[in-house]
Amino acid sequence: MERDQQFLEYVVKALVDNPNDVKINRTVDEMGVLLTLSVNKDDMGKVIGRSGQTAKAIRTILRIVGMKNDARVNLKIEEPEGSERGFGAPPQERPDRSVDDVIDSLKSE
């Protein structure tokens, strides 16, 4: 397991009530590293935080961990099954979107 994935697992498992449900998938492509996080739906609020502040802080530290290892690290938080949020939220309220996703959507408009 790579350092970025280890870090994410450690932080998220410390935040949630259901650490056994924490799953992280790590993929690498020409854009860098993508860590896809899945947690129990009851723990989503703890991971995202008020107005997305916790998720934003985790992403910031992950980027620093990535820079230390000469990699660009992005975090995607999976929408849990049965979630009440759905996909109707405006883009600024969707904490699972990376900066690159937002830029790509602006280019396509």
PDB file of N, CA and C in Angstrom:
ATOM      1  N   MET A   1       0.848  -1.172   0.000  1.00  0.00           N
ATOM      2  CA  MET A   1       0.000   0.000   0.000  1.00  0.00           C
ATOM      3  C   MET A   1       0.902   1.247   0.000  1.00  0.00           C
ATOM      4  N   GLU A   2       0.563   2.193  -0.852  1.00  0.00           N
ATOM      5  CA  GLU A   2       1.352   3.423  -0.973  1.00  0.00           C
ATOM      6  C   GLU A   2       1.069   4.368   0.201  1.00  0.00           C
ATOM      7  N   ARG A   3       2.004   5.306   0.414  1.00  0.00           N
ATOM      8  CA  ARG A   3       1.879   6.234   1.554  1.00  0.00           C
ATOM      9  C   ARG A   3       0.594   7.047   1.509  1.00  0.00           C
ATOM     10  N   ASP A   4       0.205   7.523   0.317  1.00  0.00           N
ATOM     11  CA  ASP A   4      -1.020   8.331   0.229  1.00  0.00           C
ATOM     12  C   ASP A   4      -2.240   7.520   0.651  1.00  0.00           C
ATOM     13  N   GLN A   5      -2.288   6.274   0.229  1.00  0.00           N
ATOM     14  CA  GLN A   5      -3.410   5.406   0.587  1.00  0.00           C
ATOM     15  C   GLN A   5      -3.384   5.070   2.078  1.00  0.00           C
ATOM     16  N   GLN A   6      -2.192   4.819   2.612  1.00  0.00           N
ATOM     17  CA  GLN A   6      -2.057   4.530   4.049  1.00  0.00           C
ATOM     18  C   GLN A   6      -2.532   5.723   4.880  1.00  0.00           C
ATOM     19  N   PHE A   7      -2.113   6.915   4.461  1.00  0.00           N
ATOM     20  CA  PHE A   7      -2.500   8.126   5.176  1.00  0.00           C
ATOM     21  C   PHE A   7      -4.019   8.286   5.170  1.00  0.00           C
ATOM     22  N   LEU A   8      -4.620   8.169   3.990  1.00  0.00           N
ATOM     23  CA  LEU A   8      -6.065   8.330   3.873  1.00  0.00           C
ATOM     24  C   LEU A   8      -6.800   7.314   4.740  1.00  0.00           C
ATOM     25  N   GLU A   9      -6.358   6.072   4.696  1.00  0.00           N
ATOM     26  CA  GLU A   9      -7.004   5.025   5.489  1.00  0.00           C
ATOM     27  C   GLU A   9      -6.915   5.337   6.982  1.00  0.00           C
ATOM     28  N   TYR A  10      -5.740   5.750   7.429  1.00  0.00           N
ATOM     29  CA  TYR A  10      -5.536   6.073   8.843  1.00  0.00           C
ATOM     30  C   TYR A  10      -6.459   7.204   9.294  1.00  0.00           C
ATOM     31  N   VAL A  11      -6.507   8.283   8.524  1.00  0.00           N
ATOM     32  CA  VAL A  11      -7.311   9.454   8.897  1.00  0.00           C
ATOM     33  C   VAL A  11      -8.804   9.113   8.884  1.00  0.00           C
ATOM     34  N   VAL A  12      -9.254   8.486   7.804  1.00  0.00           N
ATOM     35  CA  VAL A  12     -10.692   8.212   7.676  1.00  0.00           C
ATOM     36  C   VAL A  12     -11.156   7.217   8.730  1.00  0.00           C
ATOM     37  N   LYS A  13     -10.380   6.174   8.973  1.00  0.00           N
ATOM     38  CA  LYS A  13     -10.784   5.188   9.985  1.00  0.00           C
ATOM     39  C   LYS A  13     -10.854   5.805  11.377  1.00  0.00           C
ATOM     40  N   ALA A  14     -10.028   6.840  11.624  1.00  0.00           N
ATOM     41  CA  ALA A  14     -10.073   7.527  12.918  1.00  0.00           C
ATOM     42  C   ALA A  14     -11.314   8.410  13.040  1.00  0.00           C
ATOM     43  N   LEU A  15     -11.874   8.848  11.917  1.00  0.00           N
ATOM     44  CA  LEU A  15     -13.038   9.745  11.925  1.00  0.00           C
ATOM     45  C   LEU A  15     -14.375   9.022  12.022  1.00  0.00           C
ATOM     46  N   VAL A  16     -14.465   7.840  11.445  1.00  0.00           N
ATOM     47  CA  VAL A  16     -15.764   7.184  11.268  1.00  0.00           C
ATOM     48  C   VAL A  16     -16.139   6.250  12.415  1.00  0.00           C
ATOM     49  N   ASP A  17     -17.415   5.906  12.479  1.00  0.00           N
ATOM     50  CA  ASP A  17     -17.909   4.952  13.471  1.00  0.00           C
ATOM     51  C   ASP A  17     -17.819   3.509  12.969  1.00  0.00           C
ATOM     52  N   ASN A  18     -17.696   3.336  11.646  1.00  0.00           N
ATOM     53  CA  ASN A  18     -17.662   2.001  11.037  1.00  0.00           C
ATOM     54  C   ASN A  18     -16.367   1.818  10.238  1.00  0.00           C
ATOM     55  N   PRO A  19     -15.213   1.734  10.926  1.00  0.00           N
ATOM     56  CA  PRO A  19     -13.932   1.660  10.212  1.00  0.00           C
ATOM     57  C   PRO A  19     -13.789   0.431   9.314  1.00  0.00           C
ATOM     58  N   ASN A  20     -14.510  -0.642   9.621  1.00  0.00           N
ATOM     59  CA  ASN A  20     -14.417  -1.839   8.780  1.00  0.00           C
ATOM     60  C   ASN A  20     -15.063  -1.645   7.416  1.00  0.00           C
ATOM     61  N   ASP A  21     -15.902  -0.608   7.279  1.00  0.00           N
ATOM     62  CA  ASP A  21     -16.565  -0.334   6.005  1.00  0.00           C
ATOM     63  C   ASP A  21     -15.754   0.604   5.104  1.00  0.00           C
ATOM     64  N   VAL A  22     -14.610   1.082   5.590  1.00  0.00           N
ATOM     65  CA  VAL A  22     -13.773   1.988   4.799  1.00  0.00           C
ATOM     66  C   VAL A  22     -13.054   1.199   3.716  1.00  0.00           C
ATOM     67  N   LYS A  23     -13.255   1.611   2.464  1.00  0.00           N
ATOM     68  CA  LYS A  23     -12.594   0.957   1.331  1.00  0.00           C
ATOM     69  C   LYS A  23     -11.950   2.042   0.482  1.00  0.00           C
ATOM     70  N   ILE A  24     -10.718   1.793   0.069  1.00  0.00           N
ATOM     71  CA  ILE A  24     -10.002   2.762  -0.759  1.00  0.00           C
ATOM     72  C   ILE A  24      -9.458   2.047  -1.983  1.00  0.00           C
ATOM     73  N   ASN A  25      -9.786   2.585  -3.150  1.00  0.00           N
ATOM     74  CA  ASN A  25      -9.271   2.058  -4.401  1.00  0.00           C
ATOM     75  C   ASN A  25      -8.276   3.078  -4.946  1.00  0.00           C
ATOM     76  N   ARG A  26      -7.076   2.620  -5.306  1.00  0.00           N
ATOM     77  CA  ARG A  26      -6.033   3.527  -5.793  1.00  0.00           C
ATOM     78  C   ARG A  26      -5.728   3.209  -7.246  1.00  0.00           C
ATOM     79  N   THR A  27      -5.856   4.220  -8.112  1.00  0.00           N
ATOM     80  CA  THR A  27      -5.514   4.053  -9.521  1.00  0.00           C
ATOM     81  C   THR A  27      -4.533   5.147  -9.918  1.00  0.00           C
ATOM     82  N   VAL A  28      -3.683   4.824 -10.875  1.00  0.00           N
ATOM     83  CA  VAL A  28      -2.693   5.781 -11.364  1.00  0.00           C
ATOM     84  C   VAL A  28      -2.824   5.873 -12.878  1.00  0.00           C
ATOM     85  N   ASP A  29      -2.860   7.110 -13.394  1.00  0.00           N
ATOM     86  CA  ASP A  29      -2.859   7.320 -14.840  1.00  0.00           C
ATOM     87  C   ASP A  29      -2.009   8.543 -15.144  1.00  0.00           C
ATOM     88  N   GLU A  30      -2.118   9.043 -16.370  1.00  0.00           N
ATOM     89  CA  GLU A  30      -1.283  10.189 -16.762  1.00  0.00           C
ATOM     90  C   GLU A  30      -1.622  11.452 -15.971  1.00  0.00           C
ATOM     91  N   MET A  31      -2.807  11.509 -15.363  1.00  0.00           N
ATOM     92  CA  MET A  31      -3.203  12.673 -14.561  1.00  0.00           C
ATOM     93  C   MET A  31      -2.665  12.601 -13.132  1.00  0.00           C
ATOM     94  N   GLY A  32      -2.227  11.434 -12.716  1.00  0.00           N
ATOM     95  CA  GLY A  32      -1.719  11.268 -11.355  1.00  0.00           C
ATOM     96  C   GLY A  32      -2.419  10.130 -10.648  1.00  0.00           C
ATOM     97  N   VAL A  33      -2.520  10.266  -9.336  1.00  0.00           N
ATOM     98  CA  VAL A  33      -3.106   9.225  -8.490  1.00  0.00           C
ATOM     99  C   VAL A  33      -4.544   9.624  -8.157  1.00  0.00           C
ATOM    100  N   LEU A  34      -5.442   8.669  -8.267  1.00  0.00           N
ATOM    101  CA  LEU A  34      -6.825   8.889  -7.851  1.00  0.00           C
ATOM    102  C   LEU A  34      -7.145   7.891  -6.744  1.00  0.00           C
ATOM    103  N   LEU A  35      -7.492   8.420  -5.577  1.00  0.00           N
ATOM    104  CA  LEU A  35      -7.934   7.583  -4.468  1.00  0.00           C
ATOM    105  C   LEU A  35      -9.448   7.707  -4.394  1.00  0.00           C
ATOM    106  N   THR A  36     -10.131   6.581  -4.537  1.00  0.00           N
ATOM    107  CA  THR A  36     -11.589   6.569  -4.468  1.00  0.00           C
ATOM    108  C   THR A  36     -11.977   5.984  -3.118  1.00  0.00           C
ATOM    109  N   LEU A  37     -12.663   6.792  -2.324  1.00  0.00           N
ATOM    110  CA  LEU A  37     -13.014   6.420  -0.954  1.00  0.00           C
ATOM    111  C   LEU A  37     -14.474   6.023  -0.862  1.00  0.00           C
ATOM    112  N   SER A  38     -14.714   4.919  -0.194  1.00  0.00           N
ATOM    113  CA  SER A  38     -16.071   4.456   0.060  1.00  0.00           C
ATOM    114  C   SER A  38     -16.203   4.231   1.567  1.00  0.00           C
ATOM    115  N   VAL A  39     -17.242   4.809   2.163  1.00  0.00           N
ATOM    116  CA  VAL A  39     -17.495   4.624   3.594  1.00  0.00           C
ATOM    117  C   VAL A  39     -18.957   4.267   3.802  1.00  0.00           C
ATOM    118  N   ASN A  40     -19.272   3.822   4.996  1.00  0.00           N
ATOM    119  CA  ASN A  40     -20.649   3.540   5.366  1.00  0.00           C
ATOM    120  C   ASN A  40     -21.470   4.820   5.214  1.00  0.00           C
ATOM    121  N   LYS A  41     -22.699   4.710   4.715  1.00  0.00           N
ATOM    122  CA  LYS A  41     -23.501   5.920   4.469  1.00  0.00           C
ATOM    123  C   LYS A  41     -23.735   6.724   5.739  1.00  0.00           C
ATOM    124  N   ASP A  42     -23.740   6.070   6.897  1.00  0.00           N
ATOM    125  CA  ASP A  42     -23.921   6.785   8.161  1.00  0.00           C
ATOM    126  C   ASP A  42     -22.705   7.634   8.529  1.00  0.00           C
ATOM    127  N   ASP A  43     -21.559   7.367   7.901  1.00  0.00           N
ATOM    128  CA  ASP A  43     -20.325   8.089   8.193  1.00  0.00           C
ATOM    129  C   ASP A  43     -19.996   9.187   7.191  1.00  0.00           C
ATOM    130  N   MET A  44     -20.822   9.349   6.161  1.00  0.00           N
ATOM    131  CA  MET A  44     -20.521  10.346   5.129  1.00  0.00           C
ATOM    132  C   MET A  44     -20.375  11.754   5.707  1.00  0.00           C
ATOM    133  N   GLY A  45     -21.234  12.115   6.622  1.00  0.00           N
ATOM    134  CA  GLY A  45     -21.181  13.450   7.214  1.00  0.00           C
ATOM    135  C   GLY A  45     -19.877  13.706   7.946  1.00  0.00           C
ATOM    136  N   LYS A  46     -19.348  12.673   8.591  1.00  0.00           N
ATOM    137  CA  LYS A  46     -18.083  12.828   9.323  1.00  0.00           C
ATOM    138  C   LYS A  46     -16.921  13.036   8.366  1.00  0.00           C
ATOM    139  N   VAL A  47     -16.959  12.357   7.220  1.00  0.00           N
ATOM    140  CA  VAL A  47     -15.870  12.452   6.255  1.00  0.00           C
ATOM    141  C   VAL A  47     -15.937  13.771   5.482  1.00  0.00           C
ATOM    142  N   ILE A  48     -17.135  14.197   5.136  1.00  0.00           N
ATOM    143  CA  ILE A  48     -17.292  15.423   4.356  1.00  0.00           C
ATOM    144  C   ILE A  48     -17.198  16.657   5.259  1.00  0.00           C
ATOM    145  N   GLY A  49     -17.821  16.613   6.427  1.00  0.00           N
ATOM    146  CA  GLY A  49     -17.757  17.736   7.358  1.00  0.00           C
ATOM    147  C   GLY A  49     -18.704  18.853   6.961  1.00  0.00           C
ATOM    148  N   ARG A  50     -18.791  19.839   7.824  1.00  0.00           N
ATOM    149  CA  ARG A  50     -19.679  20.975   7.578  1.00  0.00           C
ATOM    150  C   ARG A  50     -19.208  21.751   6.352  1.00  0.00           C
ATOM    151  N   SER A  51     -20.090  21.922   5.393  1.00  0.00           N
ATOM    152  CA  SER A  51     -19.784  22.607   4.128  1.00  0.00           C
ATOM    153  C   SER A  51     -18.580  22.003   3.401  1.00  0.00           C
ATOM    154  N   GLY A  52     -18.324  20.730   3.638  1.00  0.00           N
ATOM    155  CA  GLY A  52     -17.232  20.055   2.932  1.00  0.00           C
ATOM    156  C   GLY A  52     -15.845  20.365   3.473  1.00  0.00           C
ATOM    157  N   GLN A  53     -15.768  20.974   4.641  1.00  0.00           N
ATOM    158  CA  GLN A  53     -14.473  21.412   5.166  1.00  0.00           C
ATOM    159  C   GLN A  53     -13.542  20.246   5.514  1.00  0.00           C
ATOM    160  N   THR A  54     -14.065  19.165   6.071  1.00  0.00           N
ATOM    161  CA  THR A  54     -13.214  18.026   6.420  1.00  0.00           C
ATOM    162  C   THR A  54     -12.647  17.385   5.155  1.00  0.00           C
ATOM    163  N   ALA A  55     -13.504  17.164   4.164  1.00  0.00           N
ATOM    164  CA  ALA A  55     -13.047  16.581   2.900  1.00  0.00           C
ATOM    165  C   ALA A  55     -12.000  17.480   2.241  1.00  0.00           C
ATOM    166  N   LYS A  56     -12.228  18.779   2.291  1.00  0.00           N
ATOM    167  CA  LYS A  56     -11.286  19.728   1.697  1.00  0.00           C
ATOM    168  C   LYS A  56      -9.934  19.646   2.396  1.00  0.00           C
ATOM    169  N   ALA A  57      -9.945  19.560   3.723  1.00  0.00           N
ATOM    170  CA  ALA A  57      -8.699  19.459   4.485  1.00  0.00           C
ATOM    171  C   ALA A  57      -7.951  18.163   4.158  1.00  0.00           C
ATOM    172  N   ILE A  58      -8.697  17.065   4.055  1.00  0.00           N
ATOM    173  CA  ILE A  58      -8.066  15.781   3.710  1.00  0.00           C
ATOM    174  C   ILE A  58      -7.438  15.868   2.320  1.00  0.00           C
ATOM    175  N   ARG A  59      -8.148  16.459   1.366  1.00  0.00           N
ATOM    176  CA  ARG A  59      -7.611  16.610   0.005  1.00  0.00           C
ATOM    177  C   ARG A  59      -6.340  17.447   0.003  1.00  0.00           C
ATOM    178  N   THR A  60      -6.341  18.522   0.786  1.00  0.00           N
ATOM    179  CA  THR A  60      -5.164  19.395   0.841  1.00  0.00           C
ATOM    180  C   THR A  60      -3.948  18.627   1.356  1.00  0.00           C
ATOM    181  N   ILE A  61      -4.130  17.885   2.436  1.00  0.00           N
ATOM    182  CA  ILE A  61      -2.999  17.137   2.995  1.00  0.00           C
ATOM    183  C   ILE A  61      -2.574  16.024   2.040  1.00  0.00           C
ATOM    184  N   LEU A  62      -3.533  15.389   1.364  1.00  0.00           N
ATOM    185  CA  LEU A  62      -3.180  14.354   0.382  1.00  0.00           C
ATOM    186  C   LEU A  62      -2.325  14.929  -0.739  1.00  0.00           C
ATOM    187  N   ARG A  63      -2.627  16.143  -1.170  1.00  0.00           N
ATOM    188  CA  ARG A  63      -1.817  16.773  -2.223  1.00  0.00           C
ATOM    189  C   ARG A  63      -0.398  17.016  -1.731  1.00  0.00           C
ATOM    190  N   ILE A  64      -0.256  17.392  -0.461  1.00  0.00           N
ATOM    191  CA  ILE A  64       1.071  17.604   0.108  1.00  0.00           C
ATOM    192  C   ILE A  64       1.825  16.278   0.196  1.00  0.00           C
ATOM    193  N   VAL A  65       1.137  15.230   0.641  1.00  0.00           N
ATOM    194  CA  VAL A  65       1.754  13.894   0.676  1.00  0.00           C
ATOM    195  C   VAL A  65       2.189  13.506  -0.733  1.00  0.00           C
ATOM    196  N   GLY A  66       1.340  13.798  -1.718  1.00  0.00           N
ATOM    197  CA  GLY A  66       1.673  13.490  -3.106  1.00  0.00           C
ATOM    198  C   GLY A  66       2.879  14.269  -3.588  1.00  0.00           C
ATOM    199  N   MET A  67       2.940  15.548  -3.262  1.00  0.00           N
ATOM    200  CA  MET A  67       4.080  16.374  -3.692  1.00  0.00           C
ATOM    201  C   MET A  67       5.386  15.822  -3.145  1.00  0.00           C
ATOM    202  N   LYS A  68       5.342  15.331  -1.925  1.00  0.00           N
ATOM    203  CA  LYS A  68       6.536  14.731  -1.316  1.00  0.00           C
ATOM    204  C   LYS A  68       7.028  13.538  -2.132  1.00  0.00           C
ATOM    205  N   ASN A  69       6.081  12.878  -2.790  1.00  0.00           N
ATOM    206  CA  ASN A  69       6.411  11.687  -3.582  1.00  0.00           C
ATOM    207  C   ASN A  69       6.317  11.958  -5.084  1.00  0.00           C
ATOM    208  N   ASP A  70       6.382  13.243  -5.471  1.00  0.00           N
ATOM    209  CA  ASP A  70       6.331  13.650  -6.877  1.00  0.00           C
ATOM    210  C   ASP A  70       5.123  13.098  -7.616  1.00  0.00           C
ATOM    211  N   ALA A  71       3.961  13.155  -6.976  1.00  0.00           N
ATOM    212  CA  ALA A  71       2.728  12.675  -7.612  1.00  0.00           C
ATOM    213  C   ALA A  71       1.596  13.640  -7.309  1.00  0.00           C
ATOM    214  N   ARG A  72       0.664  13.738  -8.243  1.00  0.00           N
ATOM    215  CA  ARG A  72      -0.540  14.536  -8.015  1.00  0.00           C
ATOM    216  C   ARG A  72      -1.612  13.581  -7.494  1.00  0.00           C
ATOM    217  N   VAL A  73      -2.115  13.847  -6.294  1.00  0.00           N
ATOM    218  CA  VAL A  73      -3.082  12.952  -5.665  1.00  0.00           C
ATOM    219  C   VAL A  73      -4.438  13.641  -5.580  1.00  0.00           C
ATOM    220  N   ASN A  74      -5.463  12.970  -6.080  1.00  0.00           N
ATOM    221  CA  ASN A  74      -6.836  13.462  -6.006  1.00  0.00           C
ATOM    222  C   ASN A  74      -7.684  12.464  -5.231  1.00  0.00           C
ATOM    223  N   LEU A  75      -8.704  12.973  -4.567  1.00  0.00           N
ATOM    224  CA  LEU A  75      -9.606  12.133  -3.783  1.00  0.00           C
ATOM    225  C   LEU A  75     -11.015  12.243  -4.334  1.00  0.00           C
ATOM    226  N   LYS A  76     -11.611  11.093  -4.572  1.00  0.00           N
ATOM    227  CA  LYS A  76     -13.022  11.030  -4.960  1.00  0.00           C
ATOM    228  C   LYS A  76     -13.748  10.273  -3.855  1.00  0.00           C
ATOM    229  N   ILE A  77     -14.831  10.874  -3.360  1.00  0.00           N
ATOM    230  CA  ILE A  77     -15.631  10.216  -2.327  1.00  0.00           C
ATOM    231  C   ILE A  77     -16.865   9.654  -2.997  1.00  0.00           C
ATOM    232  N   GLU A  78     -16.995   8.342  -2.927  1.00  0.00           N
ATOM    233  CA  GLU A  78     -18.122   7.653  -3.576  1.00  0.00           C
ATOM    234  C   GLU A  78     -19.433   7.989  -2.877  1.00  0.00           C
ATOM    235  N   GLU A  79     -20.456   8.229  -3.656  1.00  0.00           N
ATOM    236  CA  GLU A  79     -21.808   8.439  -3.136  1.00  0.00           C
ATOM    237  C   GLU A  79     -22.335   7.072  -2.691  1.00  0.00           C
ATOM    238  N   PRO A  80     -22.710   6.900  -1.427  1.00  0.00           N
ATOM    239  CA  PRO A  80     -23.173   5.581  -0.976  1.00  0.00           C
ATOM    240  C   PRO A  80     -24.543   5.234  -1.536  1.00  0.00           C
ATOM    241  N   GLU A  81     -24.806   3.943  -1.662  1.00  0.00           N
ATOM    242  CA  GLU A  81     -26.115   3.489  -2.125  1.00  0.00           C
ATOM    243  C   GLU A  81     -27.166   3.918  -1.116  1.00  0.00           C
ATOM    244  N   GLY A  82     -28.309   4.362  -1.609  1.00  0.00           N
ATOM    245  CA  GLY A  82     -29.388   4.785  -0.721  1.00  0.00           C
ATOM    246  C   GLY A  82     -29.173   6.171  -0.135  1.00  0.00           C
ATOM    247  N   SER A  83     -28.224   6.901  -0.687  1.00  0.00           N
ATOM    248  CA  SER A  83     -27.947   8.247  -0.192  1.00  0.00           C
ATOM    249  C   SER A  83     -29.106   9.174  -0.519  1.00  0.00           C
ATOM    250  N   GLU A  84     -29.366  10.110   0.378  1.00  0.00           N
ATOM    251  CA  GLU A  84     -30.449  11.059   0.150  1.00  0.00           C
ATOM    252  C   GLU A  84     -29.976  12.264  -0.650  1.00  0.00           C
ATOM    253  N   ARG A  85     -28.675  12.447  -0.785  1.00  0.00           N
ATOM    254  CA  ARG A  85     -28.142  13.602  -1.500  1.00  0.00           C
ATOM    255  C   ARG A  85     -28.431  13.524  -2.992  1.00  0.00           C
ATOM    256  N   GLY A  86     -28.235  12.370  -3.561  1.00  0.00           N
ATOM    257  CA  GLY A  86     -28.438  12.217  -4.997  1.00  0.00           C
ATOM    258  C   GLY A  86     -27.446  13.038  -5.790  1.00  0.00           C
ATOM    259  N   PHE A  87     -27.688  13.178  -7.087  1.00  0.00           N
ATOM    260  CA  PHE A  87     -26.753  13.892  -7.943  1.00  0.00           C
ATOM    261  C   PHE A  87     -27.297  15.238  -8.378  1.00  0.00           C
ATOM    262  N   GLY A  88     -28.373  15.701  -7.725  1.00  0.00           N
ATOM    263  CA  GLY A  88     -28.970  16.961  -8.119  1.00  0.00           C
ATOM    264  C   GLY A  88     -28.312  18.180  -7.497  1.00  0.00           C
ATOM    265  N   ALA A  89     -27.316  17.992  -6.647  1.00  0.00           N
ATOM    266  CA  ALA A  89     -26.682  19.132  -5.977  1.00  0.00           C
ATOM    267  C   ALA A  89     -25.888  19.955  -6.971  1.00  0.00           C
ATOM    268  N   PRO A  90     -25.880  21.270  -6.798  1.00  0.00           N
ATOM    269  CA  PRO A  90     -25.066  22.113  -7.670  1.00  0.00           C
ATOM    270  C   PRO A  90     -23.589  21.748  -7.533  1.00  0.00           C
ATOM    271  N   PRO A  91     -22.772  21.991  -8.558  1.00  0.00           N
ATOM    272  CA  PRO A  91     -21.374  21.592  -8.532  1.00  0.00           C
ATOM    273  C   PRO A  91     -20.592  22.081  -7.319  1.00  0.00           C
ATOM    274  N   GLN A  92     -20.829  23.308  -6.846  1.00  0.00           N
ATOM    275  CA  GLN A  92     -20.058  23.808  -5.720  1.00  0.00           C
ATOM    276  C   GLN A  92     -20.375  23.064  -4.424  1.00  0.00           C
ATOM    277  N   GLU A  93     -21.501  22.320  -4.394  1.00  0.00           N
ATOM    278  CA  GLU A  93     -21.866  21.558  -3.203  1.00  0.00           C
ATOM    279  C   GLU A  93     -21.503  20.086  -3.322  1.00  0.00           C
ATOM    280  N   ARG A  94     -20.806  19.708  -4.380  1.00  0.00           N
ATOM    281  CA  ARG A  94     -20.445  18.309  -4.596  1.00  0.00           C
ATOM    282  C   ARG A  94     -18.986  18.101  -4.224  1.00  0.00           C
ATOM    283  N   PRO A  95     -18.692  17.691  -2.981  1.00  0.00           N
ATOM    284  CA  PRO A  95     -17.312  17.575  -2.537  1.00  0.00           C
ATOM    285  C   PRO A  95     -16.529  16.447  -3.203  1.00  0.00           C
ATOM    286  N   ASP A  96     -17.207  15.564  -3.970  1.00  0.00           N
ATOM    287  CA  ASP A  96     -16.490  14.471  -4.612  1.00  0.00           C
ATOM    288  C   ASP A  96     -15.882  14.887  -5.951  1.00  0.00           C
ATOM    289  N   ARG A  97     -16.064  16.144  -6.350  1.00  0.00           N
ATOM    290  CA  ARG A  97     -15.515  16.605  -7.629  1.00  0.00           C
ATOM    291  C   ARG A  97     -14.154  17.236  -7.403  1.00  0.00           C
ATOM    292  N   SER A  98     -13.208  16.854  -8.218  1.00  0.00           N
ATOM    293  CA  SER A  98     -11.888  17.450  -8.118  1.00  0.00           C
ATOM    294  C   SER A  98     -11.856  18.747  -8.914  1.00  0.00           C
ATOM    295  N   VAL A  99     -10.813  19.514  -8.718  1.00  0.00           N
ATOM    296  CA  VAL A  99     -10.625  20.752  -9.476  1.00  0.00           C
ATOM    297  C   VAL A  99     -10.599  20.423 -10.966  1.00  0.00           C
ATOM    298  N   ASP A 100      -9.939  19.323 -11.324  1.00  0.00           N
ATOM    299  CA  ASP A 100      -9.855  18.920 -12.728  1.00  0.00           C
ATOM    300  C   ASP A 100     -11.242  18.637 -13.306  1.00  0.00           C
ATOM    301  N   ASP A 101     -12.117  17.996 -12.512  1.00  0.00           N
ATOM    302  CA  ASP A 101     -13.487  17.711 -12.970  1.00  0.00           C
ATOM    303  C   ASP A 101     -14.232  19.010 -13.260  1.00  0.00           C
ATOM    304  N   VAL A 102     -14.078  19.981 -12.376  1.00  0.00           N
ATOM    305  CA  VAL A 102     -14.766  21.261 -12.552  1.00  0.00           C
ATOM    306  C   VAL A 102     -14.260  21.965 -13.808  1.00  0.00           C
ATOM    307  N   ILE A 103     -12.933  21.982 -14.004  1.00  0.00           N
ATOM    308  CA  ILE A 103     -12.347  22.618 -15.188  1.00  0.00           C
ATOM    309  C   ILE A 103     -12.834  21.928 -16.456  1.00  0.00           C
ATOM    310  N   ASP A 104     -12.851  20.590 -16.447  1.00  0.00           N
ATOM    311  CA  ASP A 104     -13.327  19.848 -17.625  1.00  0.00           C
ATOM    312  C   ASP A 104     -14.783  20.178 -17.919  1.00  0.00           C
ATOM    313  N   SER A 105     -15.626  20.299 -16.868  1.00  0.00           N
ATOM    314  CA  SER A 105     -17.040  20.596 -17.112  1.00  0.00           C
ATOM    315  C   SER A 105     -17.203  22.017 -17.645  1.00  0.00           C
ATOM    316  N   LEU A 106     -16.352  22.938 -17.206  1.00  0.00           N
ATOM    317  CA  LEU A 106     -16.435  24.309 -17.717  1.00  0.00           C
ATOM    318  C   LEU A 106     -16.014  24.356 -19.200  1.00  0.00           C
ATOM    319  N   LYS A 107     -15.018  23.561 -19.576  1.00  0.00           N
ATOM    320  CA  LYS A 107     -14.566  23.527 -20.959  1.00  0.00           C
ATOM    321  C   LYS A 107     -15.655  22.986 -21.898  1.00  0.00           C
ATOM    322  N   SER A 108     -16.455  22.038 -21.372  1.00  0.00           N
ATOM    323  CA  SER A 108     -17.457  21.398 -22.225  1.00  0.00           C
ATOM    324  C   SER A 108     -18.749  22.211 -22.332  1.00  0.00           C
ATOM    325  N   GLU A 109     -18.883  23.264 -21.537  1.00  0.00           N
ATOM    326  CA  GLU A 109     -20.129  24.058 -21.578  1.00  0.00           C
ATOM    327  C   GLU A 109     -20.098  25.057 -22.703  1.00  0.00           C
TER     328      GLU A 109
END
